[in-house]
C-alpha atoms as a PDB file:
ATOM      1  CA  MET A   1      12.521 -26.880  23.427  1.00  0.00           C
ATOM      2  CA  SER A   2      14.464 -24.038  21.870  1.00  0.00           C
ATOM      3  CA  VAL A   3      12.505 -21.301  20.154  1.00  0.00           C
ATOM      4  CA  THR A   4      14.141 -19.241  17.447  1.00  0.00           C
ATOM      5  CA  LEU A   5      12.380 -16.031  16.541  1.00  0.00           C
ATOM      6  CA  THR A   6      13.637 -13.625  13.924  1.00  0.00           C
ATOM      7  CA  ASP A   7      13.268  -9.883  14.406  1.00  0.00           C
ATOM      8  CA  GLN A   8      10.325 -10.032  11.970  1.00  0.00           C
ATOM      9  CA  ASP A   9       8.723 -12.844  14.014  1.00  0.00           C
ATOM     10  CA  LYS A  10       9.027 -10.738  17.161  1.00  0.00           C
ATOM     11  CA  LEU A  11       7.519  -7.718  15.399  1.00  0.00           C
ATOM     12  CA  ASN A  12       4.617  -9.879  14.207  1.00  0.00           C
ATOM     13  CA  LEU A  13       3.961 -11.177  17.740  1.00  0.00           C
ATOM     14  CA  ARG A  14       4.029  -7.644  19.119  1.00  0.00           C
ATOM     15  CA  THR A  15       1.803  -6.345  16.327  1.00  0.00           C
ATOM     16  CA  ALA A  16      -0.699  -9.146  16.929  1.00  0.00           C
ATOM     17  CA  ALA A  17      -0.885  -8.672  20.691  1.00  0.00           C
ATOM     18  CA  TYR A  18      -0.868  -4.880  20.785  1.00  0.00           C
ATOM     19  CA  GLY A  19      -3.150  -4.861  17.736  1.00  0.00           C
ATOM     20  CA  ALA A  20      -5.742  -6.862  19.686  1.00  0.00           C
ATOM     21  CA  VAL A  21      -5.690  -4.158  22.352  1.00  0.00           C
ATOM     22  CA  ALA A  22      -5.896  -1.456  19.676  1.00  0.00           C
ATOM     23  CA  LEU A  23      -8.984  -3.158  18.227  1.00  0.00           C
ATOM     24  CA  MET A  24     -10.647  -3.125  21.633  1.00  0.00           C
ATOM     25  CA  ALA A  25      -9.875   0.577  22.007  1.00  0.00           C
ATOM     26  CA  ALA A  26     -11.171   1.233  18.488  1.00  0.00           C
ATOM     27  CA  VAL A  27     -14.595  -0.264  19.228  1.00  0.00           C
ATOM     28  CA  ASP A  28     -14.968   1.590  22.525  1.00  0.00           C
ATOM     29  CA  GLY A  29     -18.257   3.405  22.623  1.00  0.00           C
ATOM     30  CA  THR A  30     -17.923   5.159  25.947  1.00  0.00           C
ATOM     31  CA  GLY A  31     -15.108   7.584  25.229  1.00  0.00           C
ATOM     32  CA  LYS A  32     -12.350   5.851  27.197  1.00  0.00           C
ATOM     33  CA  PRO A  33     -10.110   4.340  24.494  1.00  0.00           C
ATOM     34  CA  HIS A  34      -6.946   5.531  26.253  1.00  0.00           C
ATOM     35  CA  ARG A  35      -7.941   3.686  29.444  1.00  0.00           C
ATOM     36  CA  ILE A  36      -8.593   0.539  27.397  1.00  0.00           C
ATOM     37  CA  ALA A  37      -5.230   0.831  25.652  1.00  0.00           C
ATOM     38  CA  THR A  38      -3.444   1.432  28.948  1.00  0.00           C
ATOM     39  CA  ASP A  39      -5.048  -1.477  30.793  1.00  0.00           C
ATOM     40  CA  GLY A  40      -4.514  -3.836  27.867  1.00  0.00           C
ATOM     41  CA  SER A  41      -0.891  -2.774  27.440  1.00  0.00           C
ATOM     42  CA  ILE A  42      -0.179  -3.258  31.141  1.00  0.00           C
ATOM     43  CA  ALA A  43      -1.516  -6.795  30.847  1.00  0.00           C
ATOM     44  CA  LEU A  44       0.711  -7.479  27.826  1.00  0.00           C
ATOM     45  CA  SER A  45       3.795  -6.115  29.549  1.00  0.00           C
ATOM     46  CA  SER A  46       3.051  -8.366  32.523  1.00  0.00           C
ATOM     47  CA  ALA A  47       3.446 -11.543  30.468  1.00  0.00           C
ATOM     48  CA  THR A  48       6.082 -14.119  31.384  1.00  0.00           C
ATOM     49  CA  GLY A  49       8.184 -16.617  29.454  1.00  0.00           C
ATOM     50  CA  LEU A  50       9.365 -16.048  25.916  1.00  0.00           C
ATOM     51  CA  VAL A  51       6.156 -14.173  25.143  1.00  0.00           C
ATOM     52  CA  GLY A  52       6.804 -11.815  28.039  1.00  0.00           C
ATOM     53  CA  HIS A  53      10.304 -11.070  26.783  1.00  0.00           C
ATOM     54  CA  VAL A  54       9.013 -10.351  23.280  1.00  0.00           C
ATOM     55  CA  LEU A  55       6.093  -8.190  24.424  1.00  0.00           C
ATOM     56  CA  THR A  56       8.183  -5.931  26.659  1.00  0.00           C
ATOM     57  CA  ASP A  57       8.595  -3.641  23.655  1.00  0.00           C
ATOM     58  CA  TYR A  58       5.797  -1.881  21.793  1.00  0.00           C
ATOM     59  CA  PRO A  59       5.811  -2.833  18.082  1.00  0.00           C
ATOM     60  CA  LYS A  60       7.629   0.182  16.672  1.00  0.00           C
ATOM     61  CA  GLY A  61       7.365   0.252  12.926  1.00  0.00           C
ATOM     62  CA  SER A  62       3.954  -1.370  12.746  1.00  0.00           C
ATOM     63  CA  ASP A  63       0.917   0.659  11.847  1.00  0.00           C
ATOM     64  CA  LEU A  64      -1.759   0.051  14.470  1.00  0.00           C
ATOM     65  CA  VAL A  65      -4.040   2.851  13.378  1.00  0.00           C
ATOM     66  CA  GLY A  66      -6.459   2.879  10.514  1.00  0.00           C
ATOM     67  CA  ASN A  67      -9.181   4.823   8.861  1.00  0.00           C
ATOM     68  CA  SER A  68     -11.692   2.311  10.164  1.00  0.00           C
ATOM     69  CA  VAL A  69     -12.025  -0.609  12.543  1.00  0.00           C
ATOM     70  CA  ALA A  70     -12.325  -2.859   9.489  1.00  0.00           C
ATOM     71  CA  GLU A  71      -8.968  -1.673   8.166  1.00  0.00           C
ATOM     72  CA  LEU A  72      -7.273  -2.323  11.503  1.00  0.00           C
ATOM     73  CA  ALA A  73      -8.975  -5.712  11.851  1.00  0.00           C
ATOM     74  CA  ASP A  74      -7.806  -6.686   8.350  1.00  0.00           C
ATOM     75  CA  ARG A  75      -4.218  -6.284   9.576  1.00  0.00           C
ATOM     76  CA  VAL A  76      -4.508  -7.558  13.141  1.00  0.00           C
ATOM     77  CA  LEU A  77      -6.742 -10.630  12.983  1.00  0.00           C
ATOM     78  CA  PRO A  78      -4.626 -12.522  10.401  1.00  0.00           C
ATOM     79  CA  THR A  79      -1.503 -11.533  12.330  1.00  0.00           C
ATOM     80  CA  LEU A  80      -2.959 -13.117  15.475  1.00  0.00           C
ATOM     81  CA  THR A  81      -3.548 -16.358  13.585  1.00  0.00           C
ATOM     82  CA  GLY A  82      -0.060 -16.202  12.082  1.00  0.00           C
ATOM     83  CA  ALA A  83       1.505 -15.674  15.496  1.00  0.00           C
ATOM     84  CA  MET A  84      -0.273 -18.742  16.840  1.00  0.00           C
ATOM     85  CA  ILE A  85       0.808 -20.865  13.860  1.00  0.00           C
ATOM     86  CA  LEU A  86       4.432 -19.777  14.329  1.00  0.00           C
ATOM     87  CA  LEU A  87       4.469 -20.463  18.053  1.00  0.00           C
ATOM     88  CA  LYS A  88       2.627 -23.800  17.769  1.00  0.00           C
ATOM     89  CA  LYS A  89       5.297 -25.009  15.341  1.00  0.00           C
ATOM     90  CA  GLN A  90       8.141 -24.018  17.631  1.00  0.00           C
ATOM     91  CA  ASP A  91       6.766 -24.440  21.153  1.00  0.00           C
ATOM     92  CA  PRO A  92       3.119 -25.292  21.856  1.00  0.00           C
ATOM     93  CA  ALA A  93       3.472 -24.134  25.473  1.00  0.00           C
ATOM     94  CA  GLU A  94       4.502 -20.659  24.298  1.00  0.00           C
ATOM     95  CA  ALA A  95       1.558 -20.656  21.881  1.00  0.00           C
ATOM     96  CA  ASP A  96      -0.717 -21.297  24.862  1.00  0.00           C
ATOM     97  CA  ASN A  97       1.112 -18.575  26.790  1.00  0.00           C
ATOM     98  CA  PHE A  98       0.625 -16.097  23.917  1.00  0.00           C
ATOM     99  CA  ARG A  99      -3.070 -16.962  23.593  1.00  0.00           C
ATOM    100  CA  SER A 100      -3.747 -16.577  27.310  1.00  0.00           C
ATOM    101  CA  THR A 101      -1.739 -13.338  27.434  1.00  0.00           C
ATOM    102  CA  VAL A 102      -3.824 -11.800  24.646  1.00  0.00           C
ATOM    103  CA  ILE A 103      -7.061 -13.002  26.254  1.00  0.00           C
ATOM    104  CA  VAL A 104      -6.031 -11.494  29.605  1.00  0.00           C
ATOM    105  CA  ALA A 105      -5.156  -8.230  27.857  1.00  0.00           C
ATOM    106  CA  ILE A 106      -8.544  -7.927  26.167  1.00  0.00           C
ATOM    107  CA  GLU A 107     -10.285  -8.898  29.405  1.00  0.00           C
ATOM    108  CA  ALA A 108      -8.301  -6.182  31.187  1.00  0.00           C
ATOM    109  CA  ALA A 109      -9.313  -3.740  28.460  1.00  0.00           C
ATOM    110  CA  THR A 110     -13.004  -4.550  28.792  1.00  0.00           C
ATOM    111  CA  ARG A 111     -12.838  -4.542  32.579  1.00  0.00           C
ATOM    112  CA  THR A 112     -12.627  -0.773  32.547  1.00  0.00           C
ATOM    113  CA  TYR A 113     -16.402  -0.857  32.310  1.00  0.00           C
ATOM    114  CA  LYS A 114     -18.433  -1.599  35.364  1.00  0.00           C
ATOM    115  CA  GLY A 115     -20.637  -4.484  34.427  1.00  0.00           C
ATOM    116  CA  LYS A 116     -20.753  -6.118  31.032  1.00  0.00           C
ATOM    117  CA  PRO A 117     -18.659  -5.067  28.055  1.00  0.00           C
ATOM    118  CA  THR A 118     -20.507  -3.189  25.344  1.00  0.00           C
ATOM    119  CA  PRO A 119     -21.956  -5.351  22.560  1.00  0.00           C
ATOM    120  CA  THR A 120     -19.316  -4.114  20.119  1.00  0.00           C
ATOM    121  CA  MET A 121     -16.541  -5.005  22.562  1.00  0.00           C
ATOM    122  CA  ALA A 122     -18.039  -8.455  23.152  1.00  0.00           C
ATOM    123  CA  ASP A 123     -18.203  -9.019  19.397  1.00  0.00           C
ATOM    124  CA  MET A 124     -14.588  -7.921  18.904  1.00  0.00           C
ATOM    125  CA  THR A 125     -13.510 -10.204  21.762  1.00  0.00           C
ATOM    126  CA  ARG A 126     -15.185 -13.080  19.899  1.00  0.00           C
ATOM    127  CA  LYS A 127     -13.401 -12.170  16.647  1.00  0.00           C
ATOM    128  CA  ILE A 128     -10.013 -11.946  18.371  1.00  0.00           C
ATOM    129  CA  THR A 129     -10.576 -15.295  20.089  1.00  0.00           C
ATOM    130  CA  GLN A 130     -11.572 -16.879  16.772  1.00  0.00           C
ATOM    131  CA  ALA A 131      -8.399 -15.532  15.148  1.00  0.00           C
ATOM    132  CA  LEU A 132      -6.290 -16.990  17.949  1.00  0.00           C
ATOM    133  CA  ASP A 133      -8.052 -20.353  17.644  1.00  0.00           C
ATOM    134  CA  ALA A 134      -7.916 -20.512  13.846  1.00  0.00           C
ATOM    135  CA  ALA A 135      -4.340 -21.781  13.930  1.00  0.00           C
END
């Protein structure tokens, strides 16, 4: 199956994936948001398939900072759902690839803690997963 993504589609996929990592870094309560962002970004850049090709670049031109976690979540969570809708229409296998890539990235981000993720990180993981599954 041939997948056709516009430049805007690619930017949206990048914003969604890197935004999920940014959300995890934003809810960090232990003072290691840079480690979270690094580990999550490494996981995203390790993706394969079409998703891997798209995620090799950071989403330049997208604003992944905010005055609050809520502001960032208002941009990122709908973008995650939109990315899944787009990919499901064009290639369900790539939608699955995107979903698993984002999940691995947020797991890598939370793995920086020895033991369980903080409650806020666990809650954000649930919200990101719900956004991915809402499509």
